[in-house]
């Protein structure tokens, strides 16, 4: 059955982008549960909001 499948040739554009992707980070994130990934995302969003607020306060002081 597998022999009946057509040969897949790699897309050169995809291959070019893959060269710049750190797959270790992808693998580490995929080891996490969905809940753990959501918690990490929420932490990142909280950090981004804190940075925006700090930037806003810094601009107001000028």
PDB file of N, CA and C in Angstrom:
ATOM      1  N   UNK A   1       0.833  -1.198   0.000  1.00  0.00           N
ATOM      2  CA  UNK A   1       0.000   0.000   0.000  1.00  0.00           C
ATOM      3  C   UNK A   1       0.876   1.260   0.000  1.00  0.00           C
ATOM      4  N   UNK A   2       1.904   1.274   0.840  1.00  0.00           N
ATOM      5  CA  UNK A   2       2.789   2.435   0.868  1.00  0.00           C
ATOM      6  C   UNK A   2       3.491   2.589  -0.467  1.00  0.00           C
ATOM      7  N   UNK A   3       3.766   1.475  -1.135  1.00  0.00           N
ATOM      8  CA  UNK A   3       4.433   1.532  -2.433  1.00  0.00           C
ATOM      9  C   UNK A   3       3.573   2.224  -3.484  1.00  0.00           C
ATOM     10  N   UNK A   4       2.265   2.297  -3.268  1.00  0.00           N
ATOM     11  CA  UNK A   4       1.355   2.914  -4.231  1.00  0.00           C
ATOM     12  C   UNK A   4       1.343   4.441  -4.139  1.00  0.00           C
ATOM     13  N   UNK A   5       1.934   4.988  -3.070  1.00  0.00           N
ATOM     14  CA  UNK A   5       1.914   6.434  -2.886  1.00  0.00           C
ATOM     15  C   UNK A   5       2.916   7.104  -3.821  1.00  0.00           C
ATOM     16  N   UNK A   6       2.560   8.286  -4.328  1.00  0.00           N
ATOM     17  CA  UNK A   6       3.504   8.997  -5.202  1.00  0.00           C
ATOM     18  C   UNK A   6       4.687   9.514  -4.396  1.00  0.00           C
ATOM     19  N   UNK A   7       5.821   9.648  -5.034  1.00  0.00           N
ATOM     20  CA  UNK A   7       7.009  10.172  -4.372  1.00  0.00           C
ATOM     21  C   UNK A   7       6.816  11.663  -4.103  1.00  0.00           C
ATOM     22  N   UNK A   8       7.171  12.076  -2.919  1.00  0.00           N
ATOM     23  CA  UNK A   8       7.017  13.477  -2.540  1.00  0.00           C
ATOM     24  C   UNK A   8       8.380  14.150  -2.671  1.00  0.00           C
ATOM     25  N   UNK A   9       8.416  15.202  -3.451  1.00  0.00           N
ATOM     26  CA  UNK A   9       9.661  15.950  -3.592  1.00  0.00           C
ATOM     27  C   UNK A   9       9.598  17.171  -2.675  1.00  0.00           C
ATOM     28  N   UNK A  10      10.682  17.448  -1.970  1.00  0.00           N
ATOM     29  CA  UNK A  10      10.673  18.597  -1.053  1.00  0.00           C
ATOM     30  C   UNK A  10      10.516  19.911  -1.799  1.00  0.00           C
ATOM     31  N   UNK A  11       9.745  20.801  -1.221  1.00  0.00           N
ATOM     32  CA  UNK A  11       9.549  22.140  -1.776  1.00  0.00           C
ATOM     33  C   UNK A  11      10.772  22.976  -1.409  1.00  0.00           C
ATOM     34  N   UNK A  12      11.466  23.557  -2.371  1.00  0.00           N
ATOM     35  CA  UNK A  12      12.679  24.316  -2.058  1.00  0.00           C
ATOM     36  C   UNK A  12      12.434  25.522  -1.149  1.00  0.00           C
ATOM     37  N   UNK A  13      11.272  26.128  -1.242  1.00  0.00           N
ATOM     38  CA  UNK A  13      10.960  27.272  -0.376  1.00  0.00           C
ATOM     39  C   UNK A  13      10.816  26.806   1.067  1.00  0.00           C
ATOM     40  N   UNK A  14      10.103  25.714   1.264  1.00  0.00           N
ATOM     41  CA  UNK A  14       9.929  25.167   2.614  1.00  0.00           C
ATOM     42  C   UNK A  14      11.283  24.752   3.174  1.00  0.00           C
ATOM     43  N   UNK A  15      12.089  24.109   2.370  1.00  0.00           N
ATOM     44  CA  UNK A  15      13.410  23.678   2.815  1.00  0.00           C
ATOM     45  C   UNK A  15      14.275  24.871   3.214  1.00  0.00           C
ATOM     46  N   UNK A  16      14.164  25.974   2.489  1.00  0.00           N
ATOM     47  CA  UNK A  16      14.939  27.176   2.817  1.00  0.00           C
ATOM     48  C   UNK A  16      14.511  27.738   4.167  1.00  0.00           C
ATOM     49  N   UNK A  17      13.219  27.753   4.448  1.00  0.00           N
ATOM     50  CA  UNK A  17      12.743  28.257   5.731  1.00  0.00           C
ATOM     51  C   UNK A  17      13.115  27.316   6.872  1.00  0.00           C
ATOM     52  N   UNK A  18      13.064  26.022   6.635  1.00  0.00           N
ATOM     53  CA  UNK A  18      13.387  25.048   7.674  1.00  0.00           C
ATOM     54  C   UNK A  18      14.805  25.211   8.180  1.00  0.00           C
ATOM     55  N   UNK A  19      15.695  25.702   7.338  1.00  0.00           N
ATOM     56  CA  UNK A  19      17.088  25.873   7.741  1.00  0.00           C
ATOM     57  C   UNK A  19      17.219  26.870   8.878  1.00  0.00           C
ATOM     58  N   UNK A  20      16.249  27.751   9.054  1.00  0.00           N
ATOM     59  CA  UNK A  20      16.323  28.808  10.064  1.00  0.00           C
ATOM     60  C   UNK A  20      15.368  28.580  11.242  1.00  0.00           C
ATOM     61  N   UNK A  21      14.831  27.383  11.347  1.00  0.00           N
ATOM     62  CA  UNK A  21      13.902  27.071  12.435  1.00  0.00           C
ATOM     63  C   UNK A  21      14.630  26.226  13.474  1.00  0.00           C
ATOM     64  N   UNK A  22      14.571  26.669  14.728  1.00  0.00           N
ATOM     65  CA  UNK A  22      15.178  25.918  15.818  1.00  0.00           C
ATOM     66  C   UNK A  22      14.208  24.811  16.229  1.00  0.00           C
ATOM     67  N   UNK A  23      14.445  23.628  15.750  1.00  0.00           N
ATOM     68  CA  UNK A  23      13.520  22.515  16.011  1.00  0.00           C
ATOM     69  C   UNK A  23      13.571  22.047  17.462  1.00  0.00           C
ATOM     70  N   UNK A  24      14.662  22.353  18.173  1.00  0.00           N
ATOM     71  CA  UNK A  24      14.735  21.930  19.571  1.00  0.00           C
ATOM     72  C   UNK A  24      13.640  22.608  20.388  1.00  0.00           C
ATOM     73  N   UNK A  25      13.350  23.874  20.100  1.00  0.00           N
ATOM     74  CA  UNK A  25      12.276  24.566  20.823  1.00  0.00           C
ATOM     75  C   UNK A  25      10.919  23.957  20.498  1.00  0.00           C
ATOM     76  N   UNK A  26      10.732  23.583  19.242  1.00  0.00           N
ATOM     77  CA  UNK A  26       9.470  22.937  18.859  1.00  0.00           C
ATOM     78  C   UNK A  26       9.299  21.617  19.598  1.00  0.00           C
ATOM     79  N   UNK A  27      10.368  20.829  19.633  1.00  0.00           N
ATOM     80  CA  UNK A  27      10.299  19.524  20.314  1.00  0.00           C
ATOM     81  C   UNK A  27      10.007  19.695  21.800  1.00  0.00           C
ATOM     82  N   UNK A  28      10.684  20.653  22.426  1.00  0.00           N
ATOM     83  CA  UNK A  28      10.464  20.883  23.858  1.00  0.00           C
ATOM     84  C   UNK A  28       9.023  21.299  24.128  1.00  0.00           C
ATOM     85  N   UNK A  29       8.471  22.171  23.308  1.00  0.00           N
ATOM     86  CA  UNK A  29       7.079  22.601  23.501  1.00  0.00           C
ATOM     87  C   UNK A  29       6.101  21.468  23.255  1.00  0.00           C
ATOM     88  N   UNK A  30       6.414  20.589  22.314  1.00  0.00           N
ATOM     89  CA  UNK A  30       5.510  19.472  22.046  1.00  0.00           C
ATOM     90  C   UNK A  30       5.532  18.424  23.153  1.00  0.00           C
ATOM     91  N   UNK A  31       6.543  18.467  24.007  1.00  0.00           N
ATOM     92  CA  UNK A  31       6.580  17.552  25.157  1.00  0.00           C
ATOM     93  C   UNK A  31       5.607  18.004  26.242  1.00  0.00           C
ATOM     94  N   UNK A  32       5.210  19.277  26.193  1.00  0.00           N
ATOM     95  CA  UNK A  32       4.295  19.818  27.202  1.00  0.00           C
ATOM     96  C   UNK A  32       2.860  19.402  26.904  1.00  0.00           C
ATOM     97  N   UNK A  33       2.063  19.384  27.950  1.00  0.00           N
ATOM     98  CA  UNK A  33       0.633  19.136  27.749  1.00  0.00           C
ATOM     99  C   UNK A  33       0.011  20.393  27.147  1.00  0.00           C
ATOM    100  N   UNK A  34      -1.189  20.268  26.649  1.00  0.00           N
ATOM    101  CA  UNK A  34      -1.897  21.425  26.099  1.00  0.00           C
ATOM    102  C   UNK A  34      -2.070  22.480  27.187  1.00  0.00           C
ATOM    103  N   UNK A  35      -2.408  22.049  28.383  1.00  0.00           N
ATOM    104  CA  UNK A  35      -2.589  23.005  29.481  1.00  0.00           C
ATOM    105  C   UNK A  35      -1.283  23.735  29.780  1.00  0.00           C
ATOM    106  N   UNK A  36      -0.168  23.014  29.807  1.00  0.00           N
ATOM    107  CA  UNK A  36       1.124  23.650  30.068  1.00  0.00           C
ATOM    108  C   UNK A  36       1.469  24.665  28.980  1.00  0.00           C
ATOM    109  N   UNK A  37       1.139  24.337  27.737  1.00  0.00           N
ATOM    110  CA  UNK A  37       1.403  25.279  26.641  1.00  0.00           C
ATOM    111  C   UNK A  37       0.557  26.544  26.788  1.00  0.00           C
ATOM    112  N   UNK A  38      -0.704  26.365  27.178  1.00  0.00           N
ATOM    113  CA  UNK A  38      -1.572  27.531  27.397  1.00  0.00           C
ATOM    114  C   UNK A  38      -1.044  28.391  28.546  1.00  0.00           C
ATOM    115  N   UNK A  39      -0.565  27.750  29.613  1.00  0.00           N
ATOM    116  CA  UNK A  39      -0.027  28.506  30.736  1.00  0.00           C
ATOM    117  C   UNK A  39       1.215  29.296  30.314  1.00  0.00           C
ATOM    118  N   UNK A  40       2.073  28.680  29.498  1.00  0.00           N
ATOM    119  CA  UNK A  40       3.243  29.401  28.997  1.00  0.00           C
ATOM    120  C   UNK A  40       2.813  30.592  28.135  1.00  0.00           C
ATOM    121  N   UNK A  41       1.803  30.385  27.313  1.00  0.00           N
ATOM    122  CA  UNK A  41       1.295  31.467  26.469  1.00  0.00           C
ATOM    123  C   UNK A  41       0.735  32.595  27.326  1.00  0.00           C
ATOM    124  N   UNK A  42      -0.004  32.238  28.366  1.00  0.00           N
ATOM    125  CA  UNK A  42      -0.570  33.257  29.246  1.00  0.00           C
ATOM    126  C   UNK A  42       0.537  34.033  29.954  1.00  0.00           C
ATOM    127  N   UNK A  43       1.604  33.338  30.361  1.00  0.00           N
ATOM    128  CA  UNK A  43       2.740  34.022  30.978  1.00  0.00           C
ATOM    129  C   UNK A  43       3.391  34.981  29.990  1.00  0.00           C
ATOM    130  N   UNK A  44       3.533  34.561  28.757  1.00  0.00           N
ATOM    131  CA  UNK A  44       4.131  35.411  27.730  1.00  0.00           C
ATOM    132  C   UNK A  44       3.261  36.640  27.472  1.00  0.00           C
ATOM    133  N   UNK A  45       1.946  36.438  27.426  1.00  0.00           N
ATOM    134  CA  UNK A  45       1.043  37.565  27.219  1.00  0.00           C
ATOM    135  C   UNK A  45       1.100  38.540  28.390  1.00  0.00           C
ATOM    136  N   UNK A  46       1.207  38.015  29.608  1.00  0.00           N
ATOM    137  CA  UNK A  46       1.319  38.872  30.788  1.00  0.00           C
ATOM    138  C   UNK A  46       2.618  39.677  30.716  1.00  0.00           C
ATOM    139  N   UNK A  47       3.716  39.028  30.335  1.00  0.00           N
ATOM    140  CA  UNK A  47       4.998  39.708  30.203  1.00  0.00           C
ATOM    141  C   UNK A  47       4.924  40.807  29.148  1.00  0.00           C
ATOM    142  N   UNK A  48       4.286  40.512  28.008  1.00  0.00           N
ATOM    143  CA  UNK A  48       4.149  41.506  26.939  1.00  0.00           C
ATOM    144  C   UNK A  48       3.342  42.709  27.426  1.00  0.00           C
ATOM    145  N   UNK A  49       2.304  42.467  28.183  1.00  0.00           N
ATOM    146  CA  UNK A  49       1.493  43.563  28.719  1.00  0.00           C
ATOM    147  C   UNK A  49       2.303  44.407  29.701  1.00  0.00           C
ATOM    148  N   UNK A  50       3.125  43.753  30.530  1.00  0.00           N
ATOM    149  CA  UNK A  50       3.974  44.486  31.464  1.00  0.00           C
ATOM    150  C   UNK A  50       4.979  45.350  30.705  1.00  0.00           C
ATOM    151  N   UNK A  51       5.523  44.834  29.618  1.00  0.00           N
ATOM    152  CA  UNK A  51       6.455  45.628  28.804  1.00  0.00           C
ATOM    153  C   UNK A  51       5.758  46.831  28.181  1.00  0.00           C
ATOM    154  N   UNK A  52       4.552  46.624  27.663  1.00  0.00           N
ATOM    155  CA  UNK A  52       3.795  47.739  27.084  1.00  0.00           C
ATOM    156  C   UNK A  52       3.525  48.806  28.135  1.00  0.00           C
ATOM    157  N   UNK A  53       3.140  48.375  29.320  1.00  0.00           N
ATOM    158  CA  UNK A  53       2.849  49.323  30.395  1.00  0.00           C
ATOM    159  C   UNK A  53       4.105  50.080  30.807  1.00  0.00           C
ATOM    160  N   UNK A  54       5.230  49.384  30.908  1.00  0.00           N
ATOM    161  CA  UNK A  54       6.488  50.042  31.259  1.00  0.00           C
ATOM    162  C   UNK A  54       6.873  51.050  30.181  1.00  0.00           C
ATOM    163  N   UNK A  55       6.676  50.704  28.924  1.00  0.00           N
ATOM    164  CA  UNK A  55       6.961  51.625  27.837  1.00  0.00           C
ATOM    165  C   UNK A  55       6.069  52.843  27.881  1.00  0.00           C
ATOM    166  N   UNK A  56       4.799  52.636  28.168  1.00  0.00           N
ATOM    167  CA  UNK A  56       3.855  53.749  28.275  1.00  0.00           C
ATOM    168  C   UNK A  56       4.260  54.696  29.391  1.00  0.00           C
ATOM    169  N   UNK A  57       4.628  54.136  30.552  1.00  0.00           N
ATOM    170  CA  UNK A  57       5.034  54.964  31.691  1.00  0.00           C
ATOM    171  C   UNK A  57       6.320  55.724  31.379  1.00  0.00           C
ATOM    172  N   UNK A  58       7.244  55.081  30.687  1.00  0.00           N
ATOM    173  CA  UNK A  58       8.514  55.738  30.331  1.00  0.00           C
ATOM    174  C   UNK A  58       8.257  56.898  29.389  1.00  0.00           C
ATOM    175  N   UNK A  59       7.338  56.721  28.449  1.00  0.00           N
ATOM    176  CA  UNK A  59       7.015  57.815  27.509  1.00  0.00           C
ATOM    177  C   UNK A  59       6.344  58.975  28.221  1.00  0.00           C
ATOM    178  N   UNK A  60       5.525  58.680  29.218  1.00  0.00           N
ATOM    179  CA  UNK A  60       4.832  59.744  29.969  1.00  0.00           C
ATOM    180  C   UNK A  60       5.804  60.581  30.785  1.00  0.00           C
ATOM    181  N   UNK A  61       6.910  59.999  31.230  1.00  0.00           N
ATOM    182  CA  UNK A  61       7.881  60.713  32.059  1.00  0.00           C
ATOM    183  C   UNK A  61       8.682  61.707  31.242  1.00  0.00           C
ATOM    184  N   UNK A  62       8.736  61.561  29.930  1.00  0.00           N
ATOM    185  CA  UNK A  62       9.531  62.470  29.089  1.00  0.00           C
ATOM    186  C   UNK A  62       8.917  63.816  28.987  1.00  0.00           C
TER     187      UNK A  62
END
